[in-house]
N, C-alpha and C. Protein backbone atom coordinates (compact mmCIF):
# COMPACT_ATOMS: atom_id res chain seq x y z
N MET A 1 -9.51 0.16 -102.50
CA MET A 1 -10.55 1.16 -102.55
C MET A 1 -11.84 0.46 -102.99
N SER A 2 -12.91 0.61 -102.18
CA SER A 2 -14.16 -0.07 -102.51
C SER A 2 -14.81 0.58 -103.72
N ASP A 3 -15.65 -0.19 -104.40
CA ASP A 3 -16.35 0.32 -105.57
C ASP A 3 -17.25 1.49 -105.22
N CYS A 4 -17.91 1.42 -104.07
CA CYS A 4 -18.81 2.49 -103.63
C CYS A 4 -18.01 3.78 -103.41
N PHE A 5 -16.90 3.66 -102.68
CA PHE A 5 -16.06 4.84 -102.43
C PHE A 5 -15.52 5.39 -103.74
N ARG A 6 -15.05 4.51 -104.61
CA ARG A 6 -14.49 4.93 -105.90
C ARG A 6 -15.54 5.69 -106.71
N SER A 7 -16.75 5.19 -106.74
CA SER A 7 -17.83 5.85 -107.49
C SER A 7 -18.13 7.23 -106.91
N ARG A 8 -18.21 7.33 -105.59
CA ARG A 8 -18.49 8.62 -104.95
C ARG A 8 -17.34 9.58 -105.17
N PHE A 9 -16.12 9.07 -105.10
CA PHE A 9 -14.95 9.92 -105.31
C PHE A 9 -14.95 10.50 -106.72
N PHE A 10 -15.16 9.66 -107.72
CA PHE A 10 -15.16 10.13 -109.11
C PHE A 10 -16.34 11.06 -109.38
N ALA A 11 -17.47 10.84 -108.75
CA ALA A 11 -18.61 11.74 -108.90
C ALA A 11 -18.26 13.11 -108.33
N SER A 12 -17.54 13.14 -107.20
CA SER A 12 -17.12 14.40 -106.59
C SER A 12 -16.14 15.14 -107.49
N VAL A 13 -15.18 14.41 -108.03
CA VAL A 13 -14.19 15.02 -108.92
C VAL A 13 -14.88 15.58 -110.16
N LEU A 14 -15.81 14.84 -110.70
CA LEU A 14 -16.55 15.30 -111.88
C LEU A 14 -17.32 16.57 -111.57
N ALA A 15 -17.96 16.63 -110.40
CA ALA A 15 -18.70 17.84 -110.02
C ALA A 15 -17.79 19.05 -109.96
N VAL A 16 -16.60 18.88 -109.40
CA VAL A 16 -15.64 19.99 -109.33
C VAL A 16 -15.19 20.39 -110.73
N MET A 17 -14.91 19.41 -111.55
CA MET A 17 -14.42 19.70 -112.90
C MET A 17 -15.47 20.43 -113.74
N LEU A 18 -16.73 20.12 -113.53
CA LEU A 18 -17.79 20.74 -114.32
C LEU A 18 -18.12 22.14 -113.84
N THR A 19 -17.99 22.41 -112.54
CA THR A 19 -18.37 23.72 -112.03
C THR A 19 -17.20 24.69 -111.96
N ALA A 20 -16.00 24.23 -111.70
CA ALA A 20 -14.87 25.13 -111.50
C ALA A 20 -14.56 26.03 -112.70
N PRO A 21 -14.55 25.53 -113.95
CA PRO A 21 -14.22 26.43 -115.06
C PRO A 21 -15.19 27.59 -115.21
N VAL A 22 -16.47 27.34 -115.03
CA VAL A 22 -17.46 28.41 -115.15
C VAL A 22 -17.28 29.41 -114.02
N LEU A 23 -17.12 28.92 -112.81
CA LEU A 23 -16.98 29.80 -111.67
C LEU A 23 -15.66 30.54 -111.68
N ALA A 24 -14.62 29.95 -112.21
CA ALA A 24 -13.31 30.60 -112.25
C ALA A 24 -13.36 31.86 -113.09
N GLN A 25 -14.21 31.89 -114.11
CA GLN A 25 -14.32 33.06 -114.96
C GLN A 25 -14.90 34.24 -114.20
N GLU A 26 -15.69 33.96 -113.17
CA GLU A 26 -16.35 35.02 -112.43
C GLU A 26 -15.47 35.61 -111.33
N GLY A 27 -14.38 34.97 -110.98
CA GLY A 27 -13.52 35.46 -109.91
C GLY A 27 -14.26 35.48 -108.58
N ALA A 28 -13.78 36.29 -107.66
CA ALA A 28 -14.38 36.36 -106.33
C ALA A 28 -15.73 37.05 -106.36
N ALA A 29 -16.15 37.54 -107.51
CA ALA A 29 -17.48 38.15 -107.63
C ALA A 29 -18.57 37.13 -107.28
N ILE A 30 -18.25 35.84 -107.38
CA ILE A 30 -19.25 34.83 -107.03
C ILE A 30 -19.61 34.88 -105.55
N PHE A 31 -18.77 35.53 -104.74
CA PHE A 31 -19.02 35.63 -103.31
C PHE A 31 -19.69 36.96 -102.93
N LYS A 32 -19.98 37.79 -103.90
CA LYS A 32 -20.48 39.15 -103.66
C LYS A 32 -21.68 39.19 -102.72
N ASP A 33 -22.67 38.39 -102.97
CA ASP A 33 -23.89 38.42 -102.16
C ASP A 33 -23.98 37.26 -101.17
N ALA A 34 -22.86 36.62 -100.90
CA ALA A 34 -22.86 35.47 -100.00
C ALA A 34 -23.19 35.88 -98.57
N ASP A 35 -23.89 35.03 -97.88
CA ASP A 35 -24.28 35.24 -96.49
C ASP A 35 -23.16 34.68 -95.60
N LEU A 36 -22.26 35.55 -95.16
CA LEU A 36 -21.10 35.11 -94.37
C LEU A 36 -21.51 34.50 -93.03
N LYS A 37 -22.53 35.06 -92.43
CA LYS A 37 -22.99 34.52 -91.14
C LYS A 37 -23.50 33.09 -91.33
N LEU A 38 -24.24 32.85 -92.40
CA LEU A 38 -24.71 31.50 -92.72
C LEU A 38 -23.52 30.57 -92.94
N GLY A 39 -22.53 31.02 -93.70
CA GLY A 39 -21.34 30.22 -93.97
C GLY A 39 -20.60 29.84 -92.70
N GLN A 40 -20.44 30.81 -91.80
CA GLN A 40 -19.76 30.54 -90.54
C GLN A 40 -20.54 29.51 -89.71
N GLY A 41 -21.85 29.64 -89.70
CA GLY A 41 -22.68 28.68 -88.97
C GLY A 41 -22.59 27.28 -89.54
N LEU A 42 -22.56 27.18 -90.87
CA LEU A 42 -22.46 25.87 -91.51
C LEU A 42 -21.10 25.22 -91.26
N ILE A 43 -20.05 26.03 -91.27
CA ILE A 43 -18.71 25.51 -90.97
C ILE A 43 -18.68 24.93 -89.55
N LYS A 44 -19.29 25.64 -88.63
CA LYS A 44 -19.34 25.17 -87.25
C LYS A 44 -20.24 23.94 -87.13
N GLU A 45 -21.42 23.99 -87.75
CA GLU A 45 -22.38 22.89 -87.66
C GLU A 45 -21.82 21.58 -88.22
N HIS A 46 -21.11 21.66 -89.33
CA HIS A 46 -20.59 20.45 -89.97
C HIS A 46 -19.19 20.09 -89.49
N ARG A 47 -18.68 20.87 -88.54
CA ARG A 47 -17.41 20.58 -87.88
C ARG A 47 -16.26 20.40 -88.88
N CYS A 48 -16.20 21.32 -89.82
CA CYS A 48 -15.20 21.26 -90.88
C CYS A 48 -13.78 21.24 -90.33
N ALA A 49 -13.50 22.09 -89.35
CA ALA A 49 -12.14 22.17 -88.79
C ALA A 49 -11.72 20.84 -88.18
N GLU A 50 -12.64 20.14 -87.54
CA GLU A 50 -12.31 18.84 -86.94
C GLU A 50 -11.96 17.81 -88.01
N CYS A 51 -12.72 17.80 -89.09
CA CYS A 51 -12.45 16.87 -90.18
C CYS A 51 -11.09 17.18 -90.81
N HIS A 52 -10.83 18.45 -91.04
CA HIS A 52 -9.55 18.85 -91.65
C HIS A 52 -8.39 18.51 -90.73
N ALA A 53 -8.58 18.67 -89.41
CA ALA A 53 -7.52 18.32 -88.46
C ALA A 53 -7.22 16.82 -88.51
N ARG A 54 -8.27 15.99 -88.63
CA ARG A 54 -8.05 14.54 -88.73
C ARG A 54 -7.30 14.18 -90.01
N LYS A 55 -7.63 14.86 -91.10
CA LYS A 55 -7.02 14.53 -92.39
C LYS A 55 -5.65 15.14 -92.59
N PHE A 56 -5.42 16.36 -92.04
CA PHE A 56 -4.19 17.09 -92.32
C PHE A 56 -3.32 17.32 -91.09
N GLY A 57 -3.81 16.91 -89.92
CA GLY A 57 -3.03 17.08 -88.70
C GLY A 57 -3.12 18.48 -88.13
N GLY A 58 -2.59 18.64 -86.95
CA GLY A 58 -2.57 19.94 -86.28
C GLY A 58 -3.97 20.50 -86.13
N ASP A 59 -4.09 21.78 -86.46
CA ASP A 59 -5.40 22.44 -86.36
C ASP A 59 -6.21 22.32 -87.65
N GLY A 60 -5.68 21.62 -88.62
CA GLY A 60 -6.38 21.41 -89.89
C GLY A 60 -6.11 22.46 -90.94
N SER A 61 -5.36 23.49 -90.58
CA SER A 61 -5.11 24.58 -91.53
C SER A 61 -4.23 24.14 -92.70
N GLY A 62 -3.61 22.96 -92.59
CA GLY A 62 -2.81 22.44 -93.70
C GLY A 62 -3.62 22.20 -94.96
N VAL A 63 -4.95 22.12 -94.81
CA VAL A 63 -5.82 21.95 -95.97
C VAL A 63 -5.72 23.15 -96.90
N TYR A 64 -5.33 24.29 -96.38
CA TYR A 64 -5.26 25.51 -97.19
C TYR A 64 -3.93 25.65 -97.92
N ARG A 65 -3.05 24.68 -97.75
CA ARG A 65 -1.77 24.69 -98.45
C ARG A 65 -1.60 23.36 -99.17
N PRO A 66 -1.00 23.27 -100.26
CA PRO A 66 -0.46 24.40 -101.01
C PRO A 66 -1.58 25.13 -101.76
N LEU A 67 -1.39 26.41 -101.91
CA LEU A 67 -2.40 27.22 -102.58
C LEU A 67 -2.56 26.85 -104.05
N GLU A 68 -1.60 26.12 -104.59
CA GLU A 68 -1.69 25.74 -106.00
C GLU A 68 -2.91 24.83 -106.23
N ARG A 69 -3.32 24.08 -105.22
CA ARG A 69 -4.49 23.20 -105.35
C ARG A 69 -5.75 24.00 -105.59
N VAL A 70 -5.88 25.09 -104.89
CA VAL A 70 -7.04 25.97 -105.00
C VAL A 70 -6.49 27.35 -105.31
N ASN A 71 -6.52 27.71 -106.60
CA ASN A 71 -5.89 28.98 -106.98
C ASN A 71 -6.85 29.97 -107.63
N THR A 72 -8.14 29.69 -107.57
CA THR A 72 -9.15 30.65 -108.04
C THR A 72 -10.36 30.55 -107.12
N ALA A 73 -11.18 31.57 -107.17
CA ALA A 73 -12.41 31.56 -106.38
C ALA A 73 -13.32 30.41 -106.80
N GLY A 74 -13.37 30.14 -108.09
CA GLY A 74 -14.19 29.04 -108.57
C GLY A 74 -13.71 27.69 -108.09
N ALA A 75 -12.39 27.52 -108.06
CA ALA A 75 -11.83 26.26 -107.57
C ALA A 75 -12.12 26.09 -106.08
N LEU A 76 -12.09 27.19 -105.34
CA LEU A 76 -12.42 27.13 -103.91
C LEU A 76 -13.85 26.69 -103.72
N ARG A 77 -14.77 27.29 -104.46
CA ARG A 77 -16.17 26.90 -104.35
C ARG A 77 -16.34 25.43 -104.77
N GLY A 78 -15.59 25.02 -105.78
CA GLY A 78 -15.64 23.64 -106.24
C GLY A 78 -15.18 22.66 -105.18
N MET A 79 -14.14 23.02 -104.42
CA MET A 79 -13.66 22.15 -103.35
C MET A 79 -14.69 22.04 -102.23
N VAL A 80 -15.37 23.14 -101.92
CA VAL A 80 -16.42 23.09 -100.90
C VAL A 80 -17.56 22.19 -101.40
N GLU A 81 -17.88 22.31 -102.68
CA GLU A 81 -18.91 21.44 -103.26
C GLU A 81 -18.48 19.98 -103.20
N GLN A 82 -17.19 19.73 -103.39
CA GLN A 82 -16.69 18.36 -103.30
C GLN A 82 -16.91 17.81 -101.89
N CYS A 83 -16.59 18.59 -100.88
CA CYS A 83 -16.84 18.14 -99.50
C CYS A 83 -18.33 17.90 -99.29
N ASN A 84 -19.16 18.81 -99.78
CA ASN A 84 -20.60 18.67 -99.66
C ASN A 84 -21.08 17.36 -100.26
N THR A 85 -20.58 17.04 -101.45
CA THR A 85 -20.98 15.82 -102.14
C THR A 85 -20.41 14.58 -101.45
N GLU A 86 -19.12 14.62 -101.17
CA GLU A 86 -18.43 13.46 -100.59
C GLU A 86 -18.99 13.09 -99.22
N LEU A 87 -19.32 14.11 -98.43
CA LEU A 87 -19.78 13.87 -97.07
C LEU A 87 -21.31 13.87 -96.95
N ASN A 88 -21.97 14.05 -98.09
CA ASN A 88 -23.43 14.00 -98.16
C ASN A 88 -24.10 14.99 -97.20
N PHE A 89 -23.62 16.23 -97.21
CA PHE A 89 -24.19 17.26 -96.34
C PHE A 89 -25.55 17.74 -96.84
N GLY A 90 -25.76 17.70 -98.14
CA GLY A 90 -27.04 18.17 -98.69
C GLY A 90 -27.17 19.68 -98.71
N LEU A 91 -26.05 20.39 -98.81
CA LEU A 91 -26.11 21.85 -98.83
C LEU A 91 -26.66 22.33 -100.16
N PHE A 92 -27.43 23.41 -100.11
CA PHE A 92 -27.92 24.07 -101.30
C PHE A 92 -26.80 24.89 -101.91
N PRO A 93 -26.89 25.23 -103.20
CA PRO A 93 -25.81 26.00 -103.86
C PRO A 93 -25.45 27.29 -103.12
N GLU A 94 -26.45 28.02 -102.62
CA GLU A 94 -26.15 29.27 -101.92
C GLU A 94 -25.43 29.01 -100.59
N GLU A 95 -25.66 27.84 -100.00
CA GLU A 95 -24.95 27.49 -98.77
C GLU A 95 -23.50 27.13 -99.06
N VAL A 96 -23.26 26.41 -100.15
CA VAL A 96 -21.90 26.10 -100.57
C VAL A 96 -21.15 27.40 -100.83
N THR A 97 -21.79 28.33 -101.51
CA THR A 97 -21.17 29.62 -101.81
C THR A 97 -20.87 30.38 -100.52
N ALA A 98 -21.78 30.33 -99.56
CA ALA A 98 -21.58 31.01 -98.28
C ALA A 98 -20.36 30.46 -97.54
N VAL A 99 -20.22 29.15 -97.51
CA VAL A 99 -19.06 28.53 -96.86
C VAL A 99 -17.78 28.93 -97.59
N ALA A 100 -17.79 28.85 -98.91
CA ALA A 100 -16.61 29.22 -99.69
C ALA A 100 -16.26 30.69 -99.50
N ALA A 101 -17.25 31.54 -99.37
CA ALA A 101 -17.00 32.97 -99.16
C ALA A 101 -16.29 33.22 -97.83
N VAL A 102 -16.70 32.49 -96.80
CA VAL A 102 -16.03 32.62 -95.49
C VAL A 102 -14.57 32.17 -95.61
N LEU A 103 -14.35 31.04 -96.26
CA LEU A 103 -12.98 30.54 -96.43
C LEU A 103 -12.15 31.53 -97.25
N ASN A 104 -12.77 32.13 -98.25
CA ASN A 104 -12.06 33.13 -99.05
C ASN A 104 -11.67 34.33 -98.20
N GLN A 105 -12.61 34.78 -97.39
CA GLN A 105 -12.37 35.94 -96.54
C GLN A 105 -11.27 35.66 -95.51
N GLN A 106 -11.28 34.46 -94.93
CA GLN A 106 -10.35 34.14 -93.85
C GLN A 106 -9.00 33.62 -94.32
N HIS A 107 -8.95 32.94 -95.48
CA HIS A 107 -7.71 32.26 -95.86
C HIS A 107 -7.18 32.61 -97.24
N TYR A 108 -8.05 32.65 -98.25
CA TYR A 108 -7.56 32.75 -99.62
C TYR A 108 -7.44 34.16 -100.14
N LYS A 109 -8.44 34.98 -99.88
CA LYS A 109 -8.44 36.40 -100.27
C LYS A 109 -8.36 36.60 -101.79
N PHE A 110 -9.12 35.79 -102.56
CA PHE A 110 -9.19 36.00 -104.00
C PHE A 110 -9.97 37.28 -104.26
N LYS A 111 -9.56 38.00 -105.27
CA LYS A 111 -10.23 39.27 -105.63
C LYS A 111 -11.12 39.09 -106.81
């Protein structure tokens, strides 16, 4: 593992660790005002399904299992933030929330 990759990986993990506990307290309420249409557009624009298919095989839906990895709305948003950071998408916080809200609506269904 290269030093550059290792540094980016640990920075991503740290970002998730710092944001997930705060967001987990809020539950799915963090998605209340999310722009679902924006989230869907960003998922398509950044070709998330293609990346997940390369990493997890098949259609990429294996990324959503096991649910133990992502078991709260805050953890879901944190994982989207990790992708944003790791892949250098440059998404704004409201865009990360929009993407996570779409994933919640389609796959996780946190309340």
